[in-house]
Amino acid sequence: MTTPVKVAVIGYGWWGKIITATLEASSLLDVVLVVENDPKVIESAKSGSHPIRFQFAHQFEDAIANSEVEAIILCTPHQFHAKQIQAAAKAGKHVFCEKPLCLTFDDAQAAIAACKASGVQLGIGHERRFEPAVIAMREEITKGTLGTVLQIEANFSQDKFFALPPDNWRLSNQYAPCGPLTGTGIHLVDLAIAILGPAESVWARLATLGSNFENGDTLGIMLAFPGGENALISAILATPFEGRFCVYGSKGWMEIRDNTHPENPTGWNITTQLRDQERTTHFMPPAPAVRNNLEAFAKGIRKVAPYPVSHEEMLANVGALEAIMRSAISRKIELIQG
């Protein structure tokens, strides 16, 4: 790549700030515009000690109309993603969307179709795929080290949302339904799909036990896959951070444990137990997975390398998400559209 991709970040909340900050160290993407509709947030950013190297705008349409902007990075409430992706694609802008891509399978289909029709790159904020420990695990699975994958157990829990004001959209059942899923659990659903392919059915249970979050704080999921494999996923928003992803195979198992929240990674401990061998644990140092994902998106735009998350996987993820939300309400096994 000879020139960085010029991008506009839409939404300058918690995650929008993290993305903007991480891209300061990238030579492949250049943030030229940030769209934020809260004047207080803009005023705070401009009056802070950290230098601002981009312009602010107030409306999404300002980024669409800006000829300098090549790509849009969406850090907006989930229910706006579908229309914003379609509007950006129609304007010829590449789109990187924070997870989840959309809240319904139909919306995801429409968003992906718009990107295909306009020939623009679509990226998705599933940075867990870009963590070195996950990459190493997937390589071992591909080599057959673990044998046939039997089952996945995973957990992504945190209590960071207690610091949010009560009216924050991430605590809203309207804007972030099934909070532990859209907040954290969707990453684990994506990793399970990356390893096992699209799931066929799900049973889920959502409760509010440790907070007053209207969109729930405790979620248990069992995803069933066509080959007979399961993924047992836990996502909690009312307990201190814990991150774990374990794959059990016919020849052994491998577990990844996060030392800290992916917002500020400090590395991973990987434990492997193979049949008739001693158990091993080794440390893998931290890496900027969020930036790596965004730079893969930039390479896809510049045709340097294909973006590694396929449209089919994106659709499978949203199909699973929609079925999980249905199951959390019905408390029944729900089939996954796909």
C-alpha atoms as a PDB file:
ATOM      1  CA  MET A   1       0.000   0.000   0.000  1.00  0.00           C
ATOM      2  CA  THR A   2       1.398   3.364  -1.023  1.00  0.00           C
ATOM      3  CA  THR A   3      -1.344   5.611   0.369  1.00  0.00           C
ATOM      4  CA  PRO A   4      -3.429   5.159   3.528  1.00  0.00           C
ATOM      5  CA  VAL A   5      -7.200   4.783   3.291  1.00  0.00           C
ATOM      6  CA  LYS A   6      -8.866   7.994   4.459  1.00  0.00           C
ATOM      7  CA  VAL A   7     -11.696   7.161   6.847  1.00  0.00           C
ATOM      8  CA  ALA A   8     -14.481   8.789   8.820  1.00  0.00           C
ATOM      9  CA  VAL A   9     -15.388   7.355  12.229  1.00  0.00           C
ATOM     10  CA  ILE A  10     -19.115   7.608  12.951  1.00  0.00           C
ATOM     11  CA  GLY A  11     -19.729   7.887  16.689  1.00  0.00           C
ATOM     12  CA  TYR A  12     -17.170   9.109  19.223  1.00  0.00           C
ATOM     13  CA  GLY A  13     -18.315   7.187  22.274  1.00  0.00           C
ATOM     14  CA  TRP A  14     -16.324   4.598  24.237  1.00  0.00           C
ATOM     15  CA  TRP A  15     -15.437   2.359  21.286  1.00  0.00           C
ATOM     16  CA  GLY A  16     -15.225   5.157  18.714  1.00  0.00           C
ATOM     17  CA  LYS A  17     -12.508   6.768  20.829  1.00  0.00           C
ATOM     18  CA  ILE A  18     -10.623   3.459  21.092  1.00  0.00           C
ATOM     19  CA  ILE A  19     -10.722   2.902  17.325  1.00  0.00           C
ATOM     20  CA  THR A  20      -9.635   6.465  16.591  1.00  0.00           C
ATOM     21  CA  ALA A  21      -6.772   6.197  19.069  1.00  0.00           C
ATOM     22  CA  THR A  22      -5.555   2.827  17.788  1.00  0.00           C
ATOM     23  CA  LEU A  23      -5.496   4.101  14.211  1.00  0.00           C
ATOM     24  CA  GLU A  24      -3.038   6.837  15.160  1.00  0.00           C
ATOM     25  CA  ALA A  25      -0.350   4.143  15.013  1.00  0.00           C
ATOM     26  CA  SER A  26      -1.456   2.821  11.623  1.00  0.00           C
ATOM     27  CA  SER A  27       0.186   3.692   8.335  1.00  0.00           C
ATOM     28  CA  LEU A  28      -2.638   2.034   6.389  1.00  0.00           C
ATOM     29  CA  LEU A  29      -5.586   4.135   7.564  1.00  0.00           C
ATOM     30  CA  ASP A  30      -5.897   7.850   8.252  1.00  0.00           C
ATOM     31  CA  VAL A  31      -8.822   9.256  10.267  1.00  0.00           C
ATOM     32  CA  VAL A  32      -9.736  12.548   8.592  1.00  0.00           C
ATOM     33  CA  LEU A  33     -13.245  13.023  10.017  1.00  0.00           C
ATOM     34  CA  VAL A  34     -15.215  12.038  13.111  1.00  0.00           C
ATOM     35  CA  VAL A  35     -18.992  12.381  13.201  1.00  0.00           C
ATOM     36  CA  GLU A  36     -20.497  12.988  16.641  1.00  0.00           C
ATOM     37  CA  ASN A  37     -23.929  14.493  17.307  1.00  0.00           C
ATOM     38  CA  ASP A  38     -23.306  15.382  20.972  1.00  0.00           C
ATOM     39  CA  PRO A  39     -21.726  18.875  21.162  1.00  0.00           C
ATOM     40  CA  LYS A  40     -20.471  18.187  24.693  1.00  0.00           C
ATOM     41  CA  VAL A  41     -18.430  15.213  23.482  1.00  0.00           C
ATOM     42  CA  ILE A  42     -16.873  17.317  20.717  1.00  0.00           C
ATOM     43  CA  GLU A  43     -16.128  20.187  23.112  1.00  0.00           C
ATOM     44  CA  SER A  44     -14.517  17.790  25.587  1.00  0.00           C
ATOM     45  CA  ALA A  45     -12.329  16.268  22.875  1.00  0.00           C
ATOM     46  CA  LYS A  46     -11.185  19.639  21.576  1.00  0.00           C
ATOM     47  CA  SER A  47     -10.386  20.964  25.047  1.00  0.00           C
ATOM     48  CA  GLY A  48      -8.445  17.869  26.120  1.00  0.00           C
ATOM     49  CA  SER A  49      -4.689  17.542  26.289  1.00  0.00           C
ATOM     50  CA  HIS A  50      -4.528  15.024  23.442  1.00  0.00           C
ATOM     51  CA  PRO A  51      -4.045  16.716  20.043  1.00  0.00           C
ATOM     52  CA  ILE A  52      -6.886  16.291  17.539  1.00  0.00           C
ATOM     53  CA  ARG A  53      -5.663  15.523  14.026  1.00  0.00           C
ATOM     54  CA  PHE A  54      -9.067  15.222  12.366  1.00  0.00           C
ATOM     55  CA  GLN A  55     -12.137  17.333  11.737  1.00  0.00           C
ATOM     56  CA  PHE A  56     -15.485  16.938  13.508  1.00  0.00           C
ATOM     57  CA  ALA A  57     -18.890  16.866  11.838  1.00  0.00           C
ATOM     58  CA  HIS A  58     -22.365  16.524  13.325  1.00  0.00           C
ATOM     59  CA  GLN A  59     -24.246  14.372  10.814  1.00  0.00           C
ATOM     60  CA  PHE A  60     -23.675  11.007   9.163  1.00  0.00           C
ATOM     61  CA  GLU A  61     -24.529  12.654   5.845  1.00  0.00           C
ATOM     62  CA  ASP A  62     -21.519  14.951   6.261  1.00  0.00           C
ATOM     63  CA  ALA A  63     -19.206  11.946   5.986  1.00  0.00           C
ATOM     64  CA  ILE A  64     -21.104  10.540   3.010  1.00  0.00           C
ATOM     65  CA  ALA A  65     -20.836  13.853   1.178  1.00  0.00           C
ATOM     66  CA  ASN A  66     -17.137  14.352   1.950  1.00  0.00           C
ATOM     67  CA  SER A  67     -15.145  13.529  -1.188  1.00  0.00           C
ATOM     68  CA  GLU A  68     -11.950  12.998   0.819  1.00  0.00           C
ATOM     69  CA  VAL A  69     -13.504  10.148   2.810  1.00  0.00           C
ATOM     70  CA  GLU A  70     -12.974   6.738   1.192  1.00  0.00           C
ATOM     71  CA  ALA A  71     -14.353   4.543   3.954  1.00  0.00           C
ATOM     72  CA  ILE A  72     -16.796   4.740   6.853  1.00  0.00           C
ATOM     73  CA  ILE A  73     -16.222   3.130  10.263  1.00  0.00           C
ATOM     74  CA  LEU A  74     -19.536   2.695  12.075  1.00  0.00           C
ATOM     75  CA  CYS A  75     -19.495   2.916  15.879  1.00  0.00           C
ATOM     76  CA  THR A  76     -23.212   3.629  16.121  1.00  0.00           C
ATOM     77  CA  PRO A  77     -26.147   1.872  17.827  1.00  0.00           C
ATOM     78  CA  HIS A  78     -26.826  -1.492  16.245  1.00  0.00           C
ATOM     79  CA  GLN A  79     -30.261  -0.742  14.854  1.00  0.00           C
ATOM     80  CA  PHE A  80     -28.849   2.005  12.603  1.00  0.00           C
ATOM     81  CA  HIS A  81     -26.230  -0.214  10.942  1.00  0.00           C
ATOM     82  CA  ALA A  82     -28.334  -1.605   8.096  1.00  0.00           C
ATOM     83  CA  LYS A  83     -29.457   1.747   6.703  1.00  0.00           C
ATOM     84  CA  GLN A  84     -26.069   3.380   7.274  1.00  0.00           C
ATOM     85  CA  ILE A  85     -24.239   0.573   5.482  1.00  0.00           C
ATOM     86  CA  GLN A  86     -26.603   0.800   2.527  1.00  0.00           C
ATOM     87  CA  ALA A  87     -26.310   4.605   2.355  1.00  0.00           C
ATOM     88  CA  ALA A  88     -22.510   4.458   2.505  1.00  0.00           C
ATOM     89  CA  ALA A  89     -22.322   1.713  -0.129  1.00  0.00           C
ATOM     90  CA  LYS A  90     -24.643   3.624  -2.453  1.00  0.00           C
ATOM     91  CA  ALA A  91     -22.277   6.594  -2.159  1.00  0.00           C
ATOM     92  CA  GLY A  92     -19.315   4.368  -3.058  1.00  0.00           C
ATOM     93  CA  LYS A  93     -17.815   4.375   0.445  1.00  0.00           C
ATOM     94  CA  HIS A  94     -16.245   1.232   1.878  1.00  0.00           C
ATOM     95  CA  VAL A  95     -17.758   0.243   5.242  1.00  0.00           C
ATOM     96  CA  PHE A  96     -16.311  -1.175   8.424  1.00  0.00           C
ATOM     97  CA  CYS A  97     -19.103  -1.897  10.893  1.00  0.00           C
ATOM     98  CA  GLU A  98     -18.770  -2.584  14.578  1.00  0.00           C
ATOM     99  CA  LYS A  99     -20.440  -5.779  15.733  1.00  0.00           C
ATOM    100  CA  PRO A 100     -23.116  -6.885  15.389  1.00  0.00           C
ATOM    101  CA  LEU A 101     -23.413  -6.180  11.667  1.00  0.00           C
ATOM    102  CA  CYS A 102     -27.211  -5.947  11.933  1.00  0.00           C
ATOM    103  CA  LEU A 103     -29.958  -7.124  14.275  1.00  0.00           C
ATOM    104  CA  THR A 104     -31.900  -9.161  11.708  1.00  0.00           C
ATOM    105  CA  PHE A 105     -30.933 -11.606   8.985  1.00  0.00           C
ATOM    106  CA  ASP A 106     -32.990  -9.690   6.412  1.00  0.00           C
ATOM    107  CA  ASP A 107     -31.201  -6.436   7.253  1.00  0.00           C
ATOM    108  CA  ALA A 108     -27.823  -8.166   6.988  1.00  0.00           C
ATOM    109  CA  GLN A 109     -28.742  -9.564   3.583  1.00  0.00           C
ATOM    110  CA  ALA A 110     -29.760  -6.088   2.379  1.00  0.00           C
ATOM    111  CA  ALA A 111     -26.577  -4.486   3.741  1.00  0.00           C
ATOM    112  CA  ILE A 112     -24.312  -7.086   2.136  1.00  0.00           C
ATOM    113  CA  ALA A 113     -26.225  -6.886  -1.154  1.00  0.00           C
ATOM    114  CA  ALA A 114     -25.705  -3.108  -1.220  1.00  0.00           C
ATOM    115  CA  CYS A 115     -21.950  -3.531  -0.731  1.00  0.00           C
ATOM    116  CA  LYS A 116     -21.763  -6.153  -3.465  1.00  0.00           C
ATOM    117  CA  ALA A 117     -23.788  -4.006  -5.868  1.00  0.00           C
ATOM    118  CA  SER A 118     -21.475  -1.032  -5.349  1.00  0.00           C
ATOM    119  CA  GLY A 119     -18.284  -3.085  -5.281  1.00  0.00           C
ATOM    120  CA  VAL A 120     -17.210  -1.739  -1.882  1.00  0.00           C
ATOM    121  CA  GLN A 121     -15.351  -3.596   0.852  1.00  0.00           C
ATOM    122  CA  LEU A 122     -17.305  -4.586   3.967  1.00  0.00           C
ATOM    123  CA  GLY A 123     -15.474  -5.193   7.225  1.00  0.00           C
ATOM    124  CA  ILE A 124     -16.811  -6.291  10.614  1.00  0.00           C
ATOM    125  CA  GLY A 125     -15.589  -5.575  14.143  1.00  0.00           C
ATOM    126  CA  HIS A 126     -14.853  -9.153  15.174  1.00  0.00           C
ATOM    127  CA  GLU A 127     -11.297  -8.433  16.243  1.00  0.00           C
ATOM    128  CA  ARG A 128     -11.096 -11.605  18.318  1.00  0.00           C
ATOM    129  CA  ARG A 129     -10.297 -13.450  15.061  1.00  0.00           C
ATOM    130  CA  PHE A 130      -7.153 -11.320  14.786  1.00  0.00           C
ATOM    131  CA  GLU A 131      -5.734 -12.171  18.202  1.00  0.00           C
ATOM    132  CA  PRO A 132      -2.506 -14.197  17.797  1.00  0.00           C
ATOM    133  CA  ALA A 133      -3.729 -16.851  20.230  1.00  0.00           C
ATOM    134  CA  VAL A 134      -6.908 -17.413  18.207  1.00  0.00           C
ATOM    135  CA  ILE A 135      -4.933 -17.500  14.953  1.00  0.00           C
ATOM    136  CA  ALA A 136      -2.583 -20.098  16.468  1.00  0.00           C
ATOM    137  CA  MET A 137      -5.511 -22.185  17.741  1.00  0.00           C
ATOM    138  CA  ARG A 138      -7.207 -22.200  14.333  1.00  0.00           C
ATOM    139  CA  GLU A 139      -3.942 -23.274  12.700  1.00  0.00           C
ATOM    140  CA  GLU A 140      -3.663 -26.248  15.083  1.00  0.00           C
ATOM    141  CA  ILE A 141      -7.284 -27.206  14.385  1.00  0.00           C
ATOM    142  CA  THR A 142      -6.623 -27.060  10.636  1.00  0.00           C
ATOM    143  CA  LYS A 143      -3.517 -29.238  11.027  1.00  0.00           C
ATOM    144  CA  GLY A 144      -5.564 -31.826  12.912  1.00  0.00           C
ATOM    145  CA  THR A 145      -3.634 -31.490  16.162  1.00  0.00           C
ATOM    146  CA  LEU A 146      -6.837 -31.648  18.217  1.00  0.00           C
ATOM    147  CA  GLY A 147      -8.468 -34.259  15.996  1.00  0.00           C
ATOM    148  CA  THR A 148     -12.187 -33.918  15.268  1.00  0.00           C
ATOM    149  CA  VAL A 149     -13.673 -30.881  17.001  1.00  0.00           C
ATOM    150  CA  LEU A 150     -16.306 -32.114  19.461  1.00  0.00           C
ATOM    151  CA  GLN A 151     -17.402 -29.071  21.429  1.00  0.00           C
ATOM    152  CA  ILE A 152     -16.542 -25.471  22.256  1.00  0.00           C
ATOM    153  CA  GLU A 153     -16.855 -23.801  25.658  1.00  0.00           C
ATOM    154  CA  ALA A 154     -16.423 -20.051  25.869  1.00  0.00           C
ATOM    155  CA  ASN A 155     -16.990 -17.123  28.207  1.00  0.00           C
ATOM    156  CA  PHE A 156     -16.701 -13.363  27.767  1.00  0.00           C
ATOM    157  CA  SER A 157     -17.814 -11.481  30.856  1.00  0.00           C
ATOM    158  CA  GLN A 158     -17.161  -7.996  32.175  1.00  0.00           C
ATOM    159  CA  ASP A 159     -18.534  -5.278  34.445  1.00  0.00           C
ATOM    160  CA  LYS A 160     -17.393  -2.234  32.459  1.00  0.00           C
ATOM    161  CA  PHE A 161     -20.984  -1.170  31.710  1.00  0.00           C
ATOM    162  CA  PHE A 162     -21.530  -0.235  35.371  1.00  0.00           C
ATOM    163  CA  ALA A 163     -19.488   2.887  34.564  1.00  0.00           C
ATOM    164  CA  LEU A 164     -21.972   3.974  31.882  1.00  0.00           C
ATOM    165  CA  PRO A 165     -24.748   6.487  32.629  1.00  0.00           C
ATOM    166  CA  PRO A 166     -28.177   4.830  32.932  1.00  0.00           C
ATOM    167  CA  ASP A 167     -29.378   6.408  29.687  1.00  0.00           C
ATOM    168  CA  ASN A 168     -26.462   5.074  27.606  1.00  0.00           C
ATOM    169  CA  TRP A 169     -27.686   3.257  24.489  1.00  0.00           C
ATOM    170  CA  ARG A 170     -25.657   0.142  25.344  1.00  0.00           C
ATOM    171  CA  LEU A 171     -28.013  -0.454  28.295  1.00  0.00           C
ATOM    172  CA  SER A 172     -31.155   0.015  26.200  1.00  0.00           C
ATOM    173  CA  ASN A 173     -33.332  -2.901  25.196  1.00  0.00           C
ATOM    174  CA  GLN A 174     -34.310  -0.906  22.110  1.00  0.00           C
ATOM    175  CA  TYR A 175     -30.817  -0.085  20.863  1.00  0.00           C
ATOM    176  CA  ALA A 176     -28.849  -3.042  22.296  1.00  0.00           C
ATOM    177  CA  PRO A 177     -31.301  -5.923  22.815  1.00  0.00           C
ATOM    178  CA  CYS A 178     -30.061  -8.965  24.712  1.00  0.00           C
ATOM    179  CA  GLY A 179     -27.229  -6.881  26.166  1.00  0.00           C
ATOM    180  CA  PRO A 180     -24.702  -9.630  27.023  1.00  0.00           C
ATOM    181  CA  LEU A 181     -25.028 -10.955  23.471  1.00  0.00           C
ATOM    182  CA  THR A 182     -24.623  -7.722  21.527  1.00  0.00           C
ATOM    183  CA  GLY A 183     -22.062  -6.456  24.038  1.00  0.00           C
ATOM    184  CA  THR A 184     -19.693  -9.422  24.327  1.00  0.00           C
ATOM    185  CA  GLY A 185     -21.191 -12.813  23.493  1.00  0.00           C
ATOM    186  CA  ILE A 186     -21.454 -12.138  19.768  1.00  0.00           C
ATOM    187  CA  HIS A 187     -17.646 -12.343  19.523  1.00  0.00           C
ATOM    188  CA  LEU A 188     -17.751 -15.926  20.801  1.00  0.00           C
ATOM    189  CA  VAL A 189     -20.590 -16.822  18.452  1.00  0.00           C
ATOM    190  CA  ASP A 190     -18.420 -15.527  15.611  1.00  0.00           C
ATOM    191  CA  LEU A 191     -15.408 -17.592  16.692  1.00  0.00           C
ATOM    192  CA  ALA A 192     -17.557 -20.713  16.949  1.00  0.00           C
ATOM    193  CA  ILE A 193     -18.824 -20.108  13.403  1.00  0.00           C
ATOM    194  CA  ALA A 194     -15.264 -19.484  12.181  1.00  0.00           C
ATOM    195  CA  ILE A 195     -14.285 -22.946  13.459  1.00  0.00           C
ATOM    196  CA  LEU A 196     -17.454 -25.007  12.915  1.00  0.00           C
ATOM    197  CA  GLY A 197     -19.325 -23.123  10.181  1.00  0.00           C
ATOM    198  CA  PRO A 198     -22.937 -21.904  10.405  1.00  0.00           C
ATOM    199  CA  ALA A 199     -24.989 -23.187  13.352  1.00  0.00           C
ATOM    200  CA  GLU A 200     -28.414 -24.722  12.797  1.00  0.00           C
ATOM    201  CA  SER A 201     -30.272 -24.124  16.081  1.00  0.00           C
ATOM    202  CA  VAL A 202     -29.906 -22.513  19.506  1.00  0.00           C
ATOM    203  CA  TRP A 203     -31.291 -22.498  23.016  1.00  0.00           C
ATOM    204  CA  ALA A 204     -30.639 -19.417  25.148  1.00  0.00           C
ATOM    205  CA  ARG A 205     -31.629 -17.994  28.514  1.00  0.00           C
ATOM    206  CA  LEU A 206     -31.322 -14.330  29.489  1.00  0.00           C
ATOM    207  CA  ALA A 207     -31.808 -12.852  32.960  1.00  0.00           C
ATOM    208  CA  THR A 208     -31.167  -9.686  34.948  1.00  0.00           C
ATOM    209  CA  LEU A 209     -29.580 -10.860  38.182  1.00  0.00           C
ATOM    210  CA  GLY A 210     -26.704  -8.556  39.118  1.00  0.00           C
ATOM    211  CA  SER A 211     -27.762  -5.130  37.826  1.00  0.00           C
ATOM    212  CA  ASN A 212     -30.723  -3.010  36.798  1.00  0.00           C
ATOM    213  CA  PHE A 213     -29.859  -3.200  33.073  1.00  0.00           C
ATOM    214  CA  GLU A 214     -33.103  -3.382  31.142  1.00  0.00           C
ATOM    215  CA  ASN A 215     -31.475  -5.502  28.418  1.00  0.00           C
ATOM    216  CA  GLY A 216     -30.227  -8.178  30.823  1.00  0.00           C
ATOM    217  CA  ASP A 217     -26.883  -9.042  32.385  1.00  0.00           C
ATOM    218  CA  THR A 218     -26.610 -12.853  32.376  1.00  0.00           C
ATOM    219  CA  LEU A 219     -26.820 -14.994  29.233  1.00  0.00           C
ATOM    220  CA  GLY A 220     -26.303 -18.690  28.571  1.00  0.00           C
ATOM    221  CA  ILE A 221     -26.284 -20.068  25.021  1.00  0.00           C
ATOM    222  CA  MET A 222     -26.062 -23.523  23.485  1.00  0.00           C
ATOM    223  CA  LEU A 223     -25.462 -23.430  19.742  1.00  0.00           C
ATOM    224  CA  ALA A 224     -25.985 -26.658  17.811  1.00  0.00           C
ATOM    225  CA  PHE A 225     -24.102 -27.322  14.579  1.00  0.00           C
ATOM    226  CA  PRO A 226     -25.072 -29.639  11.703  1.00  0.00           C
ATOM    227  CA  GLY A 227     -22.244 -32.091  12.384  1.00  0.00           C
ATOM    228  CA  GLY A 228     -23.384 -32.716  15.967  1.00  0.00           C
ATOM    229  CA  GLU A 229     -20.955 -30.292  17.630  1.00  0.00           C
ATOM    230  CA  ASN A 230     -22.089 -27.768  20.260  1.00  0.00           C
ATOM    231  CA  ALA A 231     -20.840 -24.384  21.443  1.00  0.00           C
ATOM    232  CA  LEU A 232     -21.634 -23.547  25.075  1.00  0.00           C
ATOM    233  CA  ILE A 233     -21.313 -19.803  25.519  1.00  0.00           C
ATOM    234  CA  SER A 234     -21.584 -17.618  28.605  1.00  0.00           C
ATOM    235  CA  ALA A 235     -21.766 -13.822  28.523  1.00  0.00           C
ATOM    236  CA  ILE A 236     -22.244 -11.745  31.676  1.00  0.00           C
ATOM    237  CA  LEU A 237     -22.263  -7.967  32.209  1.00  0.00           C
ATOM    238  CA  ALA A 238     -22.326  -7.971  36.028  1.00  0.00           C
ATOM    239  CA  THR A 239     -19.114  -9.739  37.056  1.00  0.00           C
ATOM    240  CA  PRO A 240     -15.393  -8.827  36.812  1.00  0.00           C
ATOM    241  CA  PHE A 241     -13.665  -9.563  33.534  1.00  0.00           C
ATOM    242  CA  GLU A 242     -13.156 -13.135  32.422  1.00  0.00           C
ATOM    243  CA  GLY A 243     -12.299 -14.279  28.912  1.00  0.00           C
ATOM    244  CA  ARG A 244     -11.965 -17.928  27.973  1.00  0.00           C
ATOM    245  CA  PHE A 245     -12.244 -19.914  24.734  1.00  0.00           C
ATOM    246  CA  CYS A 246     -11.701 -23.672  24.751  1.00  0.00           C
ATOM    247  CA  VAL A 247     -11.960 -26.189  21.900  1.00  0.00           C
ATOM    248  CA  TYR A 248     -12.305 -29.871  22.762  1.00  0.00           C
ATOM    249  CA  GLY A 249     -11.255 -32.410  20.131  1.00  0.00           C
ATOM    250  CA  SER A 250     -10.968 -36.173  19.783  1.00  0.00           C
ATOM    251  CA  LYS A 251      -7.176 -35.971  20.276  1.00  0.00           C
ATOM    252  CA  GLY A 252      -7.015 -33.213  22.868  1.00  0.00           C
ATOM    253  CA  TRP A 253      -8.120 -29.742  23.848  1.00  0.00           C
ATOM    254  CA  MET A 254      -6.776 -26.198  23.754  1.00  0.00           C
ATOM    255  CA  GLU A 255      -7.815 -23.259  25.923  1.00  0.00           C
ATOM    256  CA  ILE A 256      -7.119 -19.541  25.516  1.00  0.00           C
ATOM    257  CA  ARG A 257      -7.428 -17.311  28.583  1.00  0.00           C
ATOM    258  CA  ASP A 258      -7.286 -13.534  28.290  1.00  0.00           C
ATOM    259  CA  ASN A 259      -5.209 -11.807  30.942  1.00  0.00           C
ATOM    260  CA  THR A 260      -7.159  -8.561  30.582  1.00  0.00           C
ATOM    261  CA  HIS A 261     -10.077  -7.080  28.645  1.00  0.00           C
ATOM    262  CA  PRO A 262      -9.400  -6.876  24.870  1.00  0.00           C
ATOM    263  CA  GLU A 263      -9.741  -3.085  25.148  1.00  0.00           C
ATOM    264  CA  ASN A 264      -6.221  -3.093  26.646  1.00  0.00           C
ATOM    265  CA  PRO A 265      -4.778  -6.567  25.986  1.00  0.00           C
ATOM    266  CA  THR A 266      -1.817  -7.739  28.047  1.00  0.00           C
ATOM    267  CA  GLY A 267      -1.469 -11.179  26.498  1.00  0.00           C
ATOM    268  CA  TRP A 268      -2.960 -14.649  26.590  1.00  0.00           C
ATOM    269  CA  ASN A 269      -2.204 -17.926  28.342  1.00  0.00           C
ATOM    270  CA  ILE A 270      -2.677 -20.955  26.084  1.00  0.00           C
ATOM    271  CA  THR A 271      -3.059 -24.407  27.640  1.00  0.00           C
ATOM    272  CA  THR A 272      -2.939 -27.543  25.506  1.00  0.00           C
ATOM    273  CA  GLN A 273      -3.713 -31.086  26.585  1.00  0.00           C
ATOM    274  CA  LEU A 274      -3.136 -33.819  24.016  1.00  0.00           C
ATOM    275  CA  ARG A 275      -3.802 -37.502  24.638  1.00  0.00           C
ATOM    276  CA  ASP A 276      -0.912 -39.330  26.308  1.00  0.00           C
ATOM    277  CA  GLN A 277       1.136 -36.137  26.562  1.00  0.00           C
ATOM    278  CA  GLU A 278       1.916 -33.723  29.383  1.00  0.00           C
ATOM    279  CA  ARG A 279      -0.219 -30.626  29.647  1.00  0.00           C
ATOM    280  CA  THR A 280       1.548 -27.460  28.475  1.00  0.00           C
ATOM    281  CA  THR A 281       0.853 -23.785  29.096  1.00  0.00           C
ATOM    282  CA  HIS A 282       2.592 -20.898  27.410  1.00  0.00           C
ATOM    283  CA  PHE A 283       2.172 -17.130  27.318  1.00  0.00           C
ATOM    284  CA  MET A 284       1.520 -15.200  24.130  1.00  0.00           C
ATOM    285  CA  PRO A 285       2.305 -11.463  24.315  1.00  0.00           C
ATOM    286  CA  PRO A 286      -0.267  -8.779  23.523  1.00  0.00           C
ATOM    287  CA  ALA A 287      -0.983  -7.594  19.996  1.00  0.00           C
ATOM    288  CA  PRO A 288      -3.212  -4.840  18.548  1.00  0.00           C
ATOM    289  CA  ALA A 289      -6.042  -7.064  17.283  1.00  0.00           C
ATOM    290  CA  VAL A 290      -8.423  -4.125  16.749  1.00  0.00           C
ATOM    291  CA  ARG A 291      -5.887  -2.366  14.536  1.00  0.00           C
ATOM    292  CA  ASN A 292      -4.992  -5.595  12.758  1.00  0.00           C
ATOM    293  CA  ASN A 293      -8.631  -6.092  11.819  1.00  0.00           C
ATOM    294  CA  LEU A 294      -8.950  -2.547  10.500  1.00  0.00           C
ATOM    295  CA  GLU A 295      -5.701  -2.868   8.556  1.00  0.00           C
ATOM    296  CA  ALA A 296      -6.965  -6.110   6.991  1.00  0.00           C
ATOM    297  CA  PHE A 297      -9.996  -4.081   5.916  1.00  0.00           C
ATOM    298  CA  ALA A 298      -7.676  -1.463   4.372  1.00  0.00           C
ATOM    299  CA  LYS A 299      -5.712  -4.163   2.539  1.00  0.00           C
ATOM    300  CA  GLY A 300      -8.991  -5.467   1.160  1.00  0.00           C
ATOM    301  CA  ILE A 301      -9.849  -1.997  -0.127  1.00  0.00           C
ATOM    302  CA  ARG A 302      -6.449  -1.629  -1.820  1.00  0.00           C
ATOM    303  CA  LYS A 303      -6.615  -5.214  -3.196  1.00  0.00           C
ATOM    304  CA  VAL A 304      -3.442  -6.155  -1.333  1.00  0.00           C
ATOM    305  CA  ALA A 305      -5.080  -9.174   0.328  1.00  0.00           C
ATOM    306  CA  PRO A 306      -8.656 -10.476   0.629  1.00  0.00           C
ATOM    307  CA  TYR A 307     -10.485  -9.498   3.803  1.00  0.00           C
ATOM    308  CA  PRO A 308     -10.548 -12.724   5.859  1.00  0.00           C
ATOM    309  CA  VAL A 309     -14.169 -12.624   7.093  1.00  0.00           C
ATOM    310  CA  SER A 310     -16.563 -13.725   4.349  1.00  0.00           C
ATOM    311  CA  HIS A 311     -20.043 -12.377   3.683  1.00  0.00           C
ATOM    312  CA  GLU A 312     -21.375 -15.885   4.357  1.00  0.00           C
ATOM    313  CA  GLU A 313     -19.828 -15.874   7.836  1.00  0.00           C
ATOM    314  CA  MET A 314     -21.244 -12.417   8.518  1.00  0.00           C
ATOM    315  CA  LEU A 315     -24.718 -13.651   7.562  1.00  0.00           C
ATOM    316  CA  ALA A 316     -24.342 -16.800   9.666  1.00  0.00           C
ATOM    317  CA  ASN A 317     -23.412 -14.654  12.659  1.00  0.00           C
ATOM    318  CA  VAL A 318     -26.443 -12.386  12.316  1.00  0.00           C
ATOM    319  CA  GLY A 319     -28.698 -15.396  11.730  1.00  0.00           C
ATOM    320  CA  ALA A 320     -27.441 -16.898  14.987  1.00  0.00           C
ATOM    321  CA  LEU A 321     -27.828 -13.583  16.820  1.00  0.00           C
ATOM    322  CA  GLU A 322     -31.449 -13.211  15.713  1.00  0.00           C
ATOM    323  CA  ALA A 323     -32.279 -16.777  16.757  1.00  0.00           C
ATOM    324  CA  ILE A 324     -30.565 -16.303  20.136  1.00  0.00           C
ATOM    325  CA  MET A 325     -32.677 -13.222  20.798  1.00  0.00           C
ATOM    326  CA  ARG A 326     -35.829 -15.156  19.856  1.00  0.00           C
ATOM    327  CA  SER A 327     -34.858 -18.059  22.091  1.00  0.00           C
ATOM    328  CA  ALA A 328     -34.153 -15.749  25.040  1.00  0.00           C
ATOM    329  CA  ILE A 329     -37.785 -14.647  24.806  1.00  0.00           C
ATOM    330  CA  SER A 330     -39.450 -17.956  23.912  1.00  0.00           C
ATOM    331  CA  ARG A 331     -37.145 -20.115  26.084  1.00  0.00           C
ATOM    332  CA  LYS A 332     -37.397 -22.712  23.343  1.00  0.00           C
ATOM    333  CA  ILE A 333     -34.959 -24.127  20.804  1.00  0.00           C
ATOM    334  CA  GLU A 334     -34.991 -21.828  17.775  1.00  0.00           C
ATOM    335  CA  LEU A 335     -33.869 -22.666  14.254  1.00  0.00           C
ATOM    336  CA  ILE A 336     -31.272 -20.370  12.711  1.00  0.00           C
ATOM    337  CA  GLN A 337     -32.031 -18.759   9.369  1.00  0.00           C
ATOM    338  CA  GLY A 338     -29.414 -19.223   6.712  1.00  0.00           C
END
